[in-house]
N, C-alpha and C. Protein backbone atom coordinates (compact mmCIF):
# COMPACT_ATOMS: atom_id res chain seq x y z
N MET A 1 97.39 91.74 124.44
CA MET A 1 96.56 90.78 123.71
C MET A 1 97.39 89.55 123.36
N ILE A 2 96.89 88.36 123.68
CA ILE A 2 97.54 87.11 123.32
C ILE A 2 96.89 86.61 122.04
N ALA A 3 97.62 86.68 120.92
CA ALA A 3 97.03 86.35 119.62
C ALA A 3 96.91 84.84 119.40
N TYR A 4 97.91 84.11 119.84
CA TYR A 4 97.86 82.66 119.68
C TYR A 4 98.71 82.00 120.75
N LEU A 5 98.51 80.69 120.88
CA LEU A 5 99.20 79.89 121.89
C LEU A 5 99.73 78.64 121.21
N LYS A 6 101.04 78.40 121.33
CA LYS A 6 101.66 77.24 120.71
C LYS A 6 102.39 76.45 121.79
N GLY A 7 101.98 75.22 121.98
CA GLY A 7 102.60 74.41 123.02
C GLY A 7 102.26 72.94 122.84
N ARG A 8 102.34 72.20 123.95
CA ARG A 8 102.07 70.75 123.91
C ARG A 8 100.76 70.47 124.63
N LEU A 9 99.89 69.70 123.97
CA LEU A 9 98.62 69.35 124.57
C LEU A 9 98.83 68.34 125.70
N VAL A 10 98.35 68.69 126.89
CA VAL A 10 98.47 67.80 128.04
C VAL A 10 97.22 66.95 128.19
N ALA A 11 96.05 67.59 128.10
CA ALA A 11 94.79 66.86 128.27
C ALA A 11 93.64 67.72 127.76
N THR A 12 92.51 67.08 127.52
CA THR A 12 91.29 67.79 127.16
C THR A 12 90.15 67.30 128.05
N THR A 13 89.18 68.17 128.30
CA THR A 13 87.96 67.81 129.03
C THR A 13 86.79 68.16 128.12
N ALA A 14 85.59 68.18 128.69
CA ALA A 14 84.40 68.48 127.88
C ALA A 14 84.39 69.90 127.37
N ASP A 15 85.06 70.83 128.09
CA ASP A 15 84.98 72.23 127.67
C ASP A 15 86.31 72.98 127.63
N HIS A 16 87.42 72.32 127.95
CA HIS A 16 88.69 73.03 127.88
C HIS A 16 89.86 72.07 127.62
N ALA A 17 90.97 72.68 127.25
CA ALA A 17 92.21 71.93 127.04
C ALA A 17 93.27 72.48 127.99
N ILE A 18 94.21 71.63 128.36
CA ILE A 18 95.37 72.06 129.13
C ILE A 18 96.56 72.02 128.18
N VAL A 19 97.19 73.17 127.99
CA VAL A 19 98.34 73.26 127.07
C VAL A 19 99.57 73.66 127.88
N GLU A 20 100.63 72.88 127.73
CA GLU A 20 101.87 73.20 128.43
C GLU A 20 102.70 74.15 127.57
N LEU A 21 103.10 75.25 128.17
CA LEU A 21 103.90 76.25 127.48
C LEU A 21 105.02 76.71 128.40
N ASN A 22 106.25 76.41 128.03
CA ASN A 22 107.42 76.78 128.84
C ASN A 22 107.29 76.32 130.29
N GLY A 23 106.79 75.11 130.48
CA GLY A 23 106.70 74.53 131.81
C GLY A 23 105.46 74.89 132.58
N ALA A 24 104.61 75.73 132.03
CA ALA A 24 103.35 76.11 132.69
C ALA A 24 102.18 75.47 131.97
N GLY A 25 101.20 75.00 132.75
CA GLY A 25 100.00 74.41 132.17
C GLY A 25 98.88 75.43 132.10
N LEU A 26 98.47 75.81 130.91
CA LEU A 26 97.43 76.82 130.73
C LEU A 26 96.10 76.16 130.42
N GLN A 27 95.05 76.56 131.13
CA GLN A 27 93.70 76.07 130.84
C GLN A 27 93.08 76.98 129.79
N VAL A 28 92.64 76.38 128.69
CA VAL A 28 92.09 77.15 127.57
C VAL A 28 90.69 76.62 127.27
N ASN A 29 89.67 77.44 127.45
CA ASN A 29 88.31 77.05 127.11
C ASN A 29 88.16 77.00 125.60
N CYS A 30 87.47 75.98 125.10
CA CYS A 30 87.34 75.79 123.66
C CYS A 30 85.96 75.26 123.32
N SER A 31 85.59 75.44 122.05
CA SER A 31 84.37 74.81 121.56
C SER A 31 84.61 73.32 121.38
N ALA A 32 83.54 72.55 121.28
CA ALA A 32 83.66 71.11 121.08
C ALA A 32 84.37 70.79 119.77
N LYS A 33 84.12 71.61 118.74
CA LYS A 33 84.75 71.37 117.44
C LYS A 33 86.26 71.60 117.51
N THR A 34 86.68 72.63 118.24
CA THR A 34 88.11 72.88 118.40
C THR A 34 88.76 71.75 119.19
N LEU A 35 88.12 71.34 120.29
CA LEU A 35 88.67 70.26 121.10
C LEU A 35 88.83 68.98 120.28
N ALA A 36 87.86 68.71 119.42
CA ALA A 36 87.91 67.49 118.60
C ALA A 36 89.04 67.55 117.57
N SER A 37 89.47 68.77 117.22
CA SER A 37 90.51 68.91 116.19
C SER A 37 91.93 68.86 116.76
N LEU A 38 92.07 68.80 118.07
CA LEU A 38 93.39 68.93 118.68
C LEU A 38 94.27 67.69 118.58
N GLY A 39 93.64 66.52 118.49
CA GLY A 39 94.45 65.31 118.43
C GLY A 39 94.77 64.79 119.82
N PRO A 40 95.66 63.79 119.92
CA PRO A 40 95.95 63.15 121.20
C PRO A 40 96.87 63.97 122.09
N ALA A 41 96.82 63.69 123.38
CA ALA A 41 97.71 64.34 124.34
C ALA A 41 99.17 64.06 123.97
N GLY A 42 100.01 65.05 124.22
CA GLY A 42 101.43 64.92 123.89
C GLY A 42 101.81 65.54 122.58
N GLU A 43 100.80 65.82 121.73
CA GLU A 43 101.07 66.41 120.42
C GLU A 43 101.16 67.93 120.52
N PRO A 44 101.95 68.57 119.63
CA PRO A 44 102.00 70.04 119.61
C PRO A 44 100.68 70.61 119.09
N VAL A 45 100.26 71.74 119.64
CA VAL A 45 99.02 72.39 119.19
C VAL A 45 99.26 73.89 119.03
N LEU A 46 98.47 74.48 118.17
CA LEU A 46 98.47 75.93 118.01
C LEU A 46 97.02 76.39 118.06
N LEU A 47 96.72 77.28 119.00
CA LEU A 47 95.36 77.79 119.15
C LEU A 47 95.36 79.31 119.01
N HIS A 48 94.46 79.83 118.18
CA HIS A 48 94.20 81.26 118.16
C HIS A 48 93.43 81.57 119.44
N THR A 49 93.72 82.70 120.06
CA THR A 49 93.17 82.92 121.40
C THR A 49 92.50 84.27 121.57
N GLU A 50 91.67 84.32 122.58
CA GLU A 50 91.01 85.55 123.02
C GLU A 50 91.08 85.56 124.54
N LEU A 51 91.59 86.63 125.12
CA LEU A 51 91.69 86.74 126.57
C LEU A 51 90.49 87.52 127.09
N LEU A 52 89.70 86.89 127.95
CA LEU A 52 88.54 87.54 128.56
C LEU A 52 88.92 88.04 129.94
N VAL A 53 88.65 89.30 130.20
CA VAL A 53 89.03 89.91 131.46
C VAL A 53 87.79 90.42 132.18
N GLY A 54 87.58 89.97 133.40
CA GLY A 54 86.47 90.44 134.22
C GLY A 54 86.99 91.00 135.53
N GLU A 55 86.09 91.45 136.37
CA GLU A 55 86.49 92.03 137.65
C GLU A 55 87.24 91.03 138.53
N ASP A 56 86.84 89.76 138.43
CA ASP A 56 87.45 88.76 139.31
C ASP A 56 87.94 87.52 138.56
N PHE A 57 88.20 87.68 137.25
CA PHE A 57 88.68 86.50 136.52
C PHE A 57 89.48 86.91 135.27
N LEU A 58 90.36 86.02 134.86
CA LEU A 58 91.03 86.04 133.57
C LEU A 58 90.76 84.70 132.93
N ARG A 59 90.25 84.68 131.70
CA ARG A 59 89.92 83.41 131.06
C ARG A 59 90.46 83.43 129.64
N LEU A 60 91.18 82.38 129.29
CA LEU A 60 91.73 82.26 127.94
C LEU A 60 90.84 81.32 127.13
N VAL A 61 90.42 81.79 125.96
CA VAL A 61 89.58 80.98 125.08
C VAL A 61 90.37 80.69 123.81
N GLY A 62 90.36 79.43 123.37
CA GLY A 62 91.15 79.03 122.21
C GLY A 62 90.29 78.56 121.05
N PHE A 63 90.83 78.75 119.84
CA PHE A 63 90.08 78.42 118.63
C PHE A 63 91.00 77.74 117.62
N ALA A 64 90.43 76.81 116.88
CA ALA A 64 91.20 76.07 115.89
C ALA A 64 91.60 76.95 114.71
N SER A 65 90.84 78.01 114.45
CA SER A 65 91.13 78.89 113.32
C SER A 65 90.85 80.34 113.69
N ALA A 66 91.44 81.25 112.92
CA ALA A 66 91.19 82.67 113.14
C ALA A 66 89.73 82.99 112.82
N ALA A 67 89.14 82.28 111.85
CA ALA A 67 87.74 82.52 111.50
C ALA A 67 86.83 82.20 112.68
N GLU A 68 87.11 81.12 113.40
CA GLU A 68 86.30 80.78 114.56
C GLU A 68 86.44 81.85 115.64
N ARG A 69 87.66 82.35 115.83
CA ARG A 69 87.87 83.41 116.81
C ARG A 69 87.09 84.68 116.42
N ASP A 70 87.11 85.01 115.14
CA ASP A 70 86.38 86.20 114.68
C ASP A 70 84.89 86.06 114.92
N TRP A 71 84.36 84.86 114.69
CA TRP A 71 82.94 84.63 114.95
C TRP A 71 82.63 84.74 116.45
N PHE A 72 83.54 84.27 117.27
CA PHE A 72 83.36 84.40 118.72
C PHE A 72 83.24 85.87 119.10
N ARG A 73 84.11 86.69 118.53
CA ARG A 73 84.07 88.13 118.83
C ARG A 73 82.75 88.74 118.37
N LEU A 74 82.30 88.36 117.19
CA LEU A 74 81.03 88.88 116.68
C LEU A 74 79.86 88.44 117.56
N LEU A 75 79.84 87.17 117.89
CA LEU A 75 78.74 86.63 118.69
C LEU A 75 78.65 87.29 120.05
N THR A 76 79.79 87.47 120.71
CA THR A 76 79.76 88.06 122.05
C THR A 76 79.46 89.56 122.01
N GLY A 77 79.43 90.14 120.80
CA GLY A 77 79.01 91.52 120.66
C GLY A 77 77.50 91.68 120.60
N VAL A 78 76.79 90.57 120.50
CA VAL A 78 75.32 90.59 120.47
C VAL A 78 74.79 90.54 121.90
N GLN A 79 73.84 91.40 122.20
CA GLN A 79 73.26 91.42 123.55
C GLN A 79 72.68 90.06 123.90
N GLY A 80 73.03 89.56 125.09
CA GLY A 80 72.52 88.28 125.55
C GLY A 80 73.40 87.10 125.22
N VAL A 81 74.49 87.35 124.47
CA VAL A 81 75.41 86.27 124.10
C VAL A 81 76.72 86.46 124.85
N GLY A 82 76.94 85.61 125.85
CA GLY A 82 78.20 85.62 126.58
C GLY A 82 79.14 84.60 125.99
N ALA A 83 80.29 84.45 126.63
CA ALA A 83 81.30 83.52 126.13
C ALA A 83 80.78 82.08 126.08
N ARG A 84 80.02 81.69 127.10
CA ARG A 84 79.54 80.30 127.15
C ARG A 84 78.57 80.00 126.01
N VAL A 85 77.65 80.94 125.74
CA VAL A 85 76.69 80.73 124.65
C VAL A 85 77.40 80.77 123.30
N ALA A 86 78.35 81.69 123.14
CA ALA A 86 79.10 81.77 121.88
C ALA A 86 79.84 80.46 121.61
N LEU A 87 80.45 79.88 122.64
CA LEU A 87 81.15 78.61 122.46
C LEU A 87 80.17 77.47 122.17
N ALA A 88 78.98 77.54 122.76
CA ALA A 88 77.96 76.52 122.47
C ALA A 88 77.56 76.58 120.99
N ILE A 89 77.42 77.80 120.47
CA ILE A 89 77.07 77.96 119.05
C ILE A 89 78.19 77.42 118.18
N LEU A 90 79.44 77.76 118.52
CA LEU A 90 80.58 77.31 117.73
C LEU A 90 80.87 75.82 117.92
N SER A 91 80.31 75.23 118.97
CA SER A 91 80.40 73.78 119.14
C SER A 91 79.43 73.06 118.20
N THR A 92 78.37 73.77 117.82
CA THR A 92 77.34 73.20 116.96
C THR A 92 77.57 73.51 115.49
N LEU A 93 78.02 74.74 115.21
CA LEU A 93 78.19 75.19 113.83
C LEU A 93 79.63 75.62 113.56
N ALA A 94 80.20 75.10 112.49
CA ALA A 94 81.52 75.55 112.05
C ALA A 94 81.39 76.96 111.48
N PRO A 95 82.48 77.72 111.37
CA PRO A 95 82.39 79.09 110.86
C PRO A 95 81.66 79.22 109.53
N ASP A 96 81.91 78.31 108.57
CA ASP A 96 81.23 78.43 107.28
C ASP A 96 79.74 78.14 107.41
N GLU A 97 79.37 77.22 108.31
CA GLU A 97 77.95 76.94 108.54
C GLU A 97 77.25 78.12 109.20
N LEU A 98 77.95 78.76 110.13
CA LEU A 98 77.39 79.92 110.80
C LEU A 98 77.23 81.08 109.83
N SER A 99 78.20 81.22 108.93
CA SER A 99 78.12 82.26 107.90
C SER A 99 76.90 82.05 107.01
N ARG A 100 76.67 80.81 106.61
CA ARG A 100 75.50 80.51 105.78
C ARG A 100 74.21 80.79 106.53
N ALA A 101 74.17 80.40 107.81
CA ALA A 101 72.96 80.60 108.61
C ALA A 101 72.63 82.09 108.75
N VAL A 102 73.65 82.90 109.00
CA VAL A 102 73.43 84.34 109.16
C VAL A 102 73.04 84.97 107.83
N ALA A 103 73.75 84.60 106.76
CA ALA A 103 73.45 85.17 105.45
C ALA A 103 72.03 84.83 105.01
N ALA A 104 71.56 83.62 105.36
CA ALA A 104 70.21 83.19 104.98
C ALA A 104 69.17 83.55 106.03
N GLN A 105 69.62 84.19 107.13
CA GLN A 105 68.73 84.52 108.24
C GLN A 105 68.01 83.27 108.76
N ASP A 106 68.77 82.18 108.86
CA ASP A 106 68.24 80.90 109.30
C ASP A 106 68.38 80.78 110.81
N LYS A 107 67.41 81.35 111.53
CA LYS A 107 67.47 81.34 112.99
C LYS A 107 67.33 79.93 113.56
N ALA A 108 66.62 79.05 112.85
CA ALA A 108 66.44 77.69 113.34
C ALA A 108 67.77 76.95 113.41
N MET A 109 68.65 77.24 112.47
CA MET A 109 69.96 76.59 112.46
C MET A 109 70.79 77.03 113.67
N VAL A 110 70.73 78.32 113.98
CA VAL A 110 71.47 78.84 115.13
C VAL A 110 70.87 78.33 116.44
N ALA A 111 69.55 78.17 116.45
CA ALA A 111 68.86 77.73 117.67
C ALA A 111 69.14 76.27 118.01
N ARG A 112 69.86 75.57 117.14
CA ARG A 112 70.24 74.18 117.46
C ARG A 112 71.25 74.12 118.60
N ALA A 113 71.94 75.21 118.85
CA ALA A 113 72.96 75.24 119.90
C ALA A 113 72.31 75.24 121.28
N ASN A 114 72.96 74.59 122.23
CA ASN A 114 72.46 74.56 123.61
C ASN A 114 72.41 75.97 124.18
N GLY A 115 71.31 76.30 124.83
CA GLY A 115 71.18 77.59 125.47
C GLY A 115 70.75 78.73 124.57
N VAL A 116 70.43 78.42 123.32
CA VAL A 116 70.00 79.45 122.37
C VAL A 116 68.53 79.22 122.01
N GLY A 117 67.67 80.09 122.50
CA GLY A 117 66.25 80.00 122.19
C GLY A 117 65.94 80.73 120.90
N PRO A 118 64.68 80.61 120.42
CA PRO A 118 64.28 81.24 119.15
C PRO A 118 64.50 82.75 119.12
N LYS A 119 64.18 83.44 120.22
CA LYS A 119 64.32 84.90 120.23
C LYS A 119 65.77 85.32 120.13
N LEU A 120 66.64 84.63 120.88
CA LEU A 120 68.07 84.96 120.83
C LEU A 120 68.64 84.63 119.46
N ALA A 121 68.24 83.50 118.90
CA ALA A 121 68.72 83.11 117.57
C ALA A 121 68.32 84.15 116.53
N GLU A 122 67.09 84.66 116.64
CA GLU A 122 66.62 85.68 115.71
C GLU A 122 67.45 86.96 115.85
N ARG A 123 67.76 87.34 117.10
CA ARG A 123 68.56 88.54 117.32
C ARG A 123 69.96 88.38 116.74
N ILE A 124 70.53 87.19 116.89
CA ILE A 124 71.88 86.93 116.38
C ILE A 124 71.93 87.07 114.87
N VAL A 125 71.04 86.41 114.16
CA VAL A 125 71.10 86.46 112.70
C VAL A 125 70.76 87.85 112.18
N ARG A 126 69.88 88.56 112.89
CA ARG A 126 69.50 89.91 112.45
C ARG A 126 70.65 90.89 112.64
N GLU A 127 71.26 90.87 113.84
CA GLU A 127 72.31 91.84 114.14
C GLU A 127 73.61 91.57 113.39
N LEU A 128 73.87 90.32 113.05
CA LEU A 128 75.14 89.99 112.41
C LEU A 128 75.05 89.89 110.89
N LYS A 129 73.87 90.13 110.34
CA LYS A 129 73.71 89.97 108.88
C LYS A 129 74.68 90.84 108.11
N ASP A 130 74.81 92.11 108.48
CA ASP A 130 75.69 93.02 107.76
C ASP A 130 77.16 92.75 108.03
N ALA A 131 77.44 92.15 109.18
CA ALA A 131 78.84 91.95 109.58
C ALA A 131 79.41 90.63 109.08
N ALA A 132 78.56 89.71 108.69
CA ALA A 132 79.02 88.34 108.47
C ALA A 132 79.68 88.11 107.13
N GLY A 133 79.55 89.01 106.19
CA GLY A 133 80.09 88.77 104.86
C GLY A 133 81.50 89.29 104.67
N PRO A 134 81.63 90.44 104.03
CA PRO A 134 82.96 90.93 103.67
C PRO A 134 83.86 91.20 104.86
N ALA A 135 83.29 91.58 105.98
CA ALA A 135 84.14 91.93 107.12
C ALA A 135 84.91 90.73 107.65
N LEU A 136 84.36 89.54 107.49
CA LEU A 136 85.07 88.34 107.94
C LEU A 136 85.78 87.64 106.79
N GLY A 137 85.69 88.22 105.60
CA GLY A 137 86.32 87.58 104.46
C GLY A 137 85.62 86.31 104.05
N LEU A 138 84.30 86.24 104.30
CA LEU A 138 83.54 85.05 103.96
C LEU A 138 82.56 85.36 102.86
N ALA A 139 82.46 84.48 101.89
CA ALA A 139 81.48 84.68 100.83
C ALA A 139 80.08 84.52 101.41
N ALA A 140 79.11 85.21 100.81
CA ALA A 140 77.74 85.13 101.31
C ALA A 140 77.22 83.72 101.23
N SER A 141 77.77 82.94 100.32
CA SER A 141 77.35 81.55 100.19
C SER A 141 77.91 80.68 101.29
N GLY A 142 78.87 81.24 102.04
CA GLY A 142 79.48 80.46 103.11
C GLY A 142 80.62 79.60 102.64
N ALA A 143 81.13 79.87 101.44
CA ALA A 143 82.20 79.03 100.92
C ALA A 143 83.50 79.21 101.67
N GLY A 144 83.61 80.33 102.39
CA GLY A 144 84.79 80.54 103.20
C GLY A 144 86.01 80.97 102.42
N VAL A 145 85.82 81.47 101.18
CA VAL A 145 86.93 81.92 100.37
C VAL A 145 87.24 83.36 100.71
N ALA A 146 88.47 83.65 101.09
CA ALA A 146 88.82 84.99 101.52
C ALA A 146 89.21 85.86 100.33
N PRO A 147 88.75 87.10 100.29
CA PRO A 147 89.12 88.00 99.22
C PRO A 147 90.56 88.47 99.38
N THR A 148 91.06 89.17 98.35
CA THR A 148 92.45 89.61 98.34
C THR A 148 92.79 90.45 99.55
N GLY A 149 91.87 91.34 99.97
CA GLY A 149 92.17 92.26 101.04
C GLY A 149 91.85 91.74 102.43
N GLU A 150 91.83 90.44 102.61
CA GLU A 150 91.43 89.87 103.90
C GLU A 150 92.31 90.36 105.04
N GLY A 151 93.64 90.41 104.81
CA GLY A 151 94.54 90.83 105.87
C GLY A 151 94.26 92.25 106.33
N ALA A 152 94.09 93.16 105.37
CA ALA A 152 93.79 94.55 105.71
C ALA A 152 92.44 94.66 106.41
N THR A 153 91.49 93.85 105.96
CA THR A 153 90.16 93.89 106.57
C THR A 153 90.21 93.46 108.03
N ARG A 154 90.91 92.38 108.30
CA ARG A 154 91.03 91.90 109.68
C ARG A 154 91.76 92.93 110.55
N ASP A 155 92.82 93.53 109.99
CA ASP A 155 93.57 94.52 110.74
C ASP A 155 92.71 95.76 111.01
N ALA A 156 91.86 96.13 110.05
CA ALA A 156 90.99 97.29 110.23
C ALA A 156 89.97 97.02 111.34
N ILE A 157 89.42 95.80 111.36
CA ILE A 157 88.48 95.42 112.42
C ILE A 157 89.18 95.50 113.77
N SER A 158 90.41 94.98 113.83
CA SER A 158 91.18 95.01 115.07
C SER A 158 91.43 96.44 115.53
N ALA A 159 91.71 97.33 114.56
CA ALA A 159 91.96 98.73 114.90
C ALA A 159 90.72 99.37 115.52
N LEU A 160 89.55 99.08 114.96
CA LEU A 160 88.32 99.64 115.51
C LEU A 160 88.01 99.05 116.89
N LEU A 161 88.30 97.77 117.06
CA LEU A 161 88.10 97.15 118.38
C LEU A 161 88.98 97.83 119.42
N ASN A 162 90.21 98.15 119.04
CA ASN A 162 91.13 98.82 119.96
C ASN A 162 90.67 100.24 120.29
N LEU A 163 89.84 100.81 119.41
CA LEU A 163 89.31 102.15 119.65
C LEU A 163 88.04 102.12 120.50
N GLY A 164 87.60 100.90 120.86
CA GLY A 164 86.46 100.78 121.76
C GLY A 164 85.15 100.39 121.10
N PHE A 165 85.18 100.12 119.79
CA PHE A 165 83.95 99.68 119.13
C PHE A 165 83.62 98.25 119.53
N LYS A 166 82.34 97.91 119.56
CA LYS A 166 81.93 96.54 119.79
C LYS A 166 82.25 95.72 118.54
N PRO A 167 82.46 94.40 118.70
CA PRO A 167 82.82 93.57 117.54
C PRO A 167 81.85 93.68 116.37
N ALA A 168 80.54 93.63 116.66
CA ALA A 168 79.56 93.71 115.58
C ALA A 168 79.61 95.06 114.89
N GLU A 169 79.79 96.14 115.66
CA GLU A 169 79.86 97.49 115.09
C GLU A 169 81.11 97.64 114.22
N ALA A 170 82.24 97.16 114.72
CA ALA A 170 83.49 97.27 113.98
C ALA A 170 83.42 96.48 112.68
N SER A 171 82.89 95.27 112.75
CA SER A 171 82.81 94.41 111.56
C SER A 171 81.87 94.99 110.52
N ALA A 172 80.73 95.53 110.97
CA ALA A 172 79.76 96.10 110.04
C ALA A 172 80.35 97.33 109.35
N ALA A 173 81.02 98.21 110.10
CA ALA A 173 81.61 99.42 109.53
C ALA A 173 82.70 99.08 108.53
N VAL A 174 83.58 98.15 108.89
CA VAL A 174 84.66 97.75 107.99
C VAL A 174 84.09 97.03 106.76
N GLY A 175 83.04 96.25 106.97
CA GLY A 175 82.41 95.57 105.84
C GLY A 175 81.87 96.56 104.82
N ARG A 176 81.20 97.62 105.30
CA ARG A 176 80.66 98.63 104.38
C ARG A 176 81.79 99.39 103.67
N ALA A 177 82.86 99.67 104.42
CA ALA A 177 84.00 100.36 103.82
C ALA A 177 84.68 99.49 102.77
N SER A 178 84.80 98.19 103.07
CA SER A 178 85.43 97.26 102.13
C SER A 178 84.63 97.14 100.84
N GLU A 179 83.31 97.10 100.97
CA GLU A 179 82.46 97.02 99.79
C GLU A 179 82.64 98.25 98.90
N GLU A 180 82.74 99.42 99.53
CA GLU A 180 82.87 100.67 98.78
C GLU A 180 84.23 100.81 98.12
N LEU A 181 85.30 100.41 98.84
CA LEU A 181 86.65 100.60 98.33
C LEU A 181 87.11 99.47 97.41
N GLY A 182 86.53 98.28 97.59
CA GLY A 182 86.90 97.14 96.76
C GLY A 182 88.13 96.41 97.27
N ASP A 183 88.45 95.29 96.63
CA ASP A 183 89.61 94.50 97.03
C ASP A 183 90.90 95.30 96.84
N GLY A 184 91.85 95.04 97.67
CA GLY A 184 93.14 95.69 97.55
C GLY A 184 93.24 97.03 98.24
N ALA A 185 92.19 97.43 98.94
CA ALA A 185 92.22 98.70 99.66
C ALA A 185 93.26 98.64 100.77
N SER A 186 93.92 99.76 101.01
CA SER A 186 94.95 99.81 102.06
C SER A 186 94.29 99.82 103.43
N LEU A 187 95.06 99.44 104.44
CA LEU A 187 94.56 99.44 105.81
C LEU A 187 94.15 100.84 106.23
N ASP A 188 94.98 101.84 105.89
CA ASP A 188 94.68 103.22 106.28
C ASP A 188 93.36 103.68 105.69
N ALA A 189 93.15 103.38 104.40
CA ALA A 189 91.91 103.80 103.74
C ALA A 189 90.70 103.10 104.35
N LEU A 190 90.85 101.81 104.65
CA LEU A 190 89.75 101.05 105.25
C LEU A 190 89.37 101.61 106.61
N VAL A 191 90.37 101.89 107.44
CA VAL A 191 90.09 102.40 108.79
C VAL A 191 89.43 103.77 108.72
N ARG A 192 89.94 104.66 107.87
CA ARG A 192 89.39 106.00 107.76
C ARG A 192 87.92 105.96 107.32
N LEU A 193 87.63 105.16 106.28
CA LEU A 193 86.26 105.10 105.78
C LEU A 193 85.35 104.38 106.78
N ALA A 194 85.86 103.34 107.43
CA ALA A 194 85.07 102.62 108.40
C ALA A 194 84.67 103.53 109.56
N LEU A 195 85.58 104.39 109.99
CA LEU A 195 85.26 105.33 111.07
C LEU A 195 84.16 106.28 110.64
N LYS A 196 84.20 106.72 109.38
CA LYS A 196 83.14 107.60 108.87
C LYS A 196 81.81 106.85 108.83
N LYS A 197 81.85 105.59 108.39
CA LYS A 197 80.61 104.80 108.31
C LYS A 197 80.04 104.57 109.70
N ALA A 198 80.90 104.32 110.66
CA ALA A 198 80.44 104.04 112.03
C ALA A 198 79.85 105.27 112.68
N ALA A 199 80.30 106.45 112.24
CA ALA A 199 79.84 107.70 112.85
C ALA A 199 78.48 108.13 112.33
N ARG A 200 78.02 107.51 111.25
CA ARG A 200 76.73 107.91 110.66
C ARG A 200 75.56 107.39 111.47
């Protein structure tokens, strides 16, 4: 797993950036909001990343923040949402805006993204409602304030993902465990309870 990429920005296009790292130029697909945040060519950049692996491709996707990457994982866990649609949504809505839309079940806000129709938008807000709050360390109001146990929560989600759970399933299970255990819960306790919640 490539957690992040730190290098020099060579160029940007409408949908990706070229980042030079140790003499190699890496193509990194990004949302429009991430691309806009990178600054001019020649400047150092740090991108949180997700490596997509298919039968005939390897694709690196970059994000300006860990929160945006987490939303990408959640979105692509929804049936009918691939990487391209997830990036289109994140090009339209920042993580805190997406959190508010899901918490309020505002499908119209999600449907503003290119390639997202009303039915898909409704499925997204419905399936991610339980996962969008505590599991991502986001307040229901969308303020984006992380609770004390954010690190353990993120690590617990990662642990469930490594065990084969889908992003939405992992986030929902960890979210329910976090609510029950409260702030300051250990990683071990979160993972154990989340596995029990997921098994129900």
